[in-house]
Amino acid sequence: MRKRTRAREFALQVLYQLDITKSPSPDCLLDFWKNREAEVEPSVKEFAEAIVREVEAHSKEIDKAISESAENWELGRMATVDRNILRAATCELLFMPDIPPKVAINEAIDIAKKYGDKDSSKFVNGILDKINKTKQAHAKEG
C-alpha cells in the first residue's frame, strides 16, 4: 500500500473516532498512535495528522461544502464512515492545493469501497465531483 493511501486510511480512522467520541483531537491522536507508533513511518503519520488538523481547522467550510453538494442528504444522517471520508477528501480538494483533485477523489472512492457499504463509493464520488466542479467554477469567476 502506498504511503499516502495508508495515511488517508489512518486519518479516516482518527476522524471517525473524533466524530463518535467528541474527544479533543490531541487526546485522540495520542491514543491512536500509542500502539502503532513503531510500525508507522514518520511521513505517513505526518500526512495523516495534517489531514486531521486541516479538517478540524476548516470544519465549518468543509461541512458546508458537503451539505451544499449532497442533495436530499443531511450531514448528520450520513453514515459516519462516508461523512468522514467526505470530510477528508473535501479538505484535500479545498485546502491542500498540492494534491491534484483527481488523486483526492480517486483515493476517497477507493477508501469508500474498502470501508463503506456497497453504494458508498458512488455516493462519495458524486458529492466530491460536485464539490470539485463548484470549486473550479469559483476559480474561473474570481
Protein backbone atom coordinates (compact mmCIF):
# COMPACT_ATOMS: atom_id res chain seq x y z
CA MET A 1 0.00 0.00 0.00
CA ARG A 2 1.27 3.48 -0.88
CA LYS A 3 2.28 5.74 1.99
CA ARG A 4 -0.30 8.44 1.30
CA THR A 5 -3.08 5.87 0.91
CA ARG A 6 -2.14 4.41 4.29
CA ALA A 7 -2.04 7.91 5.78
CA ARG A 8 -5.51 8.65 4.41
CA GLU A 9 -6.85 5.46 5.98
CA PHE A 10 -5.30 6.42 9.33
CA ALA A 11 -6.79 9.92 9.02
CA LEU A 12 -10.21 8.38 8.37
CA GLN A 13 -9.88 6.23 11.48
CA VAL A 14 -8.94 9.24 13.63
CA LEU A 15 -11.72 11.39 12.15
CA TYR A 16 -14.20 8.58 12.77
CA GLN A 17 -13.05 8.32 16.38
CA LEU A 18 -13.31 12.09 16.84
CA ASP A 19 -16.80 12.09 15.32
CA ILE A 20 -18.03 9.29 17.58
CA THR A 21 -16.33 10.20 20.87
CA LYS A 22 -16.28 14.02 20.56
CA SER A 23 -12.86 13.84 22.31
CA PRO A 24 -10.26 16.57 21.81
CA SER A 25 -8.06 15.74 18.83
CA PRO A 26 -4.72 15.84 20.68
CA ASP A 27 -6.01 13.14 23.06
CA CYS A 28 -7.44 11.13 20.18
CA LEU A 29 -4.22 11.33 18.19
CA LEU A 30 -2.06 10.31 21.16
CA ASP A 31 -4.34 7.38 21.85
CA PHE A 32 -4.48 6.38 18.18
CA TRP A 33 -0.71 6.32 17.67
CA LYS A 34 0.09 4.72 21.03
CA ASN A 35 0.13 1.14 19.75
CA ARG A 36 1.01 1.91 16.14
CA GLU A 37 3.99 4.23 16.52
CA ALA A 38 6.65 1.58 15.87
CA GLU A 39 5.04 0.32 12.66
CA VAL A 40 4.23 3.70 11.07
CA GLU A 41 6.74 5.70 9.06
CA PRO A 42 7.06 9.35 10.12
CA SER A 43 5.90 10.63 6.71
CA VAL A 44 2.71 8.55 6.94
CA LYS A 45 1.95 9.82 10.45
CA GLU A 46 2.73 13.40 9.40
CA PHE A 47 0.36 13.33 6.41
CA ALA A 48 -2.44 11.65 8.39
CA GLU A 49 -2.15 14.26 11.13
CA ALA A 50 -2.05 17.07 8.56
CA ILE A 51 -5.39 15.90 7.16
CA VAL A 52 -6.92 15.67 10.64
CA ARG A 53 -5.65 19.14 11.61
CA GLU A 54 -6.88 20.71 8.36
CA VAL A 55 -10.30 19.07 8.67
CA GLU A 56 -10.61 20.47 12.18
CA ALA A 57 -9.33 23.91 11.20
CA HIS A 58 -11.81 24.19 8.31
CA SER A 59 -14.65 22.04 9.63
CA LYS A 60 -17.40 24.61 9.06
CA GLU A 61 -16.38 25.28 5.44
CA ILE A 62 -15.90 21.57 4.75
CA ASP A 63 -19.27 20.57 6.21
CA LYS A 64 -20.96 23.43 4.35
CA ALA A 65 -19.44 22.31 1.02
CA ILE A 66 -20.56 18.73 1.63
CA SER A 67 -24.06 19.78 2.69
CA GLU A 68 -24.50 22.01 -0.35
CA SER A 69 -23.36 19.23 -2.69
CA ALA A 70 -25.32 16.39 -1.08
CA GLU A 71 -28.81 16.87 -2.44
CA ASN A 72 -31.52 15.44 -0.19
CA TRP A 73 -28.94 14.40 2.43
CA GLU A 74 -28.32 15.93 5.82
CA LEU A 75 -24.75 15.64 7.05
CA GLY A 76 -25.83 14.15 10.37
CA ARG A 77 -27.83 11.40 8.67
CA MET A 78 -24.95 10.17 6.50
CA ALA A 79 -23.11 7.03 7.54
CA THR A 80 -20.26 8.05 9.85
CA VAL A 81 -17.65 6.42 7.62
CA ASP A 82 -18.98 8.14 4.48
CA ARG A 83 -19.21 11.51 6.25
CA ASN A 84 -15.58 11.32 7.36
CA ILE A 85 -14.29 10.10 4.01
CA LEU A 86 -16.05 13.11 2.50
CA ARG A 87 -14.57 15.46 5.11
CA ALA A 88 -11.02 14.27 4.50
CA ALA A 89 -11.32 14.37 0.71
CA THR A 90 -13.12 17.74 0.70
CA CYS A 91 -10.32 19.06 2.87
CA GLU A 92 -7.81 17.88 0.28
CA LEU A 93 -9.84 19.41 -2.55
CA LEU A 94 -10.34 22.81 -0.92
CA PHE A 95 -7.41 23.33 1.45
CA MET A 96 -4.47 21.21 0.25
CA PRO A 97 -3.59 22.66 -3.16
CA ASP A 98 -0.54 20.42 -3.63
CA ILE A 99 -2.85 17.40 -4.04
CA PRO A 100 -4.39 17.02 -7.50
CA PRO A 101 -8.21 16.85 -7.31
CA LYS A 102 -8.30 13.64 -9.32
CA VAL A 103 -5.99 11.97 -6.79
CA ALA A 104 -8.05 13.14 -3.79
CA ILE A 105 -11.28 11.91 -5.39
CA ASN A 106 -9.90 8.55 -6.57
CA GLU A 107 -8.32 7.83 -3.19
CA ALA A 108 -11.60 8.67 -1.43
CA ILE A 109 -13.52 6.35 -3.76
CA ASP A 110 -11.07 3.51 -3.09
CA ILE A 111 -11.30 4.06 0.68
CA ALA A 112 -15.11 4.12 0.43
CA LYS A 113 -15.03 0.78 -1.40
CA LYS A 114 -12.88 -0.67 1.39
CA TYR A 115 -14.58 0.81 4.46
CA GLY A 116 -18.09 1.82 3.37
CA ASP A 117 -21.11 -0.16 2.27
CA LYS A 118 -21.79 -1.30 -1.29
CA ASP A 119 -23.03 2.12 -2.51
CA SER A 120 -20.58 4.31 -0.58
CA SER A 121 -18.13 4.73 -3.43
CA LYS A 122 -20.84 6.04 -5.79
CA PHE A 123 -22.18 8.37 -3.09
CA VAL A 124 -18.70 9.72 -2.29
CA ASN A 125 -17.82 10.10 -5.97
CA GLY A 126 -20.98 12.07 -6.75
CA ILE A 127 -20.54 14.53 -3.90
CA LEU A 128 -16.80 15.06 -4.40
CA ASP A 129 -17.26 15.54 -8.13
CA LYS A 130 -19.84 18.24 -7.45
CA ILE A 131 -17.59 19.95 -4.86
CA ASN A 132 -14.69 19.91 -7.31
CA LYS A 133 -16.80 21.34 -10.14
CA THR A 134 -18.09 24.10 -7.81
CA LYS A 135 -14.50 24.88 -6.79
CA GLN A 136 -13.41 25.08 -10.44
CA ALA A 137 -16.37 27.33 -11.32
CA HIS A 138 -15.49 29.71 -8.48
CA ALA A 139 -11.85 29.75 -9.58
CA LYS A 140 -12.87 30.83 -13.09
CA GLU A 141 -15.11 33.58 -11.70
CA GLY A 142 -12.57 35.02 -9.32
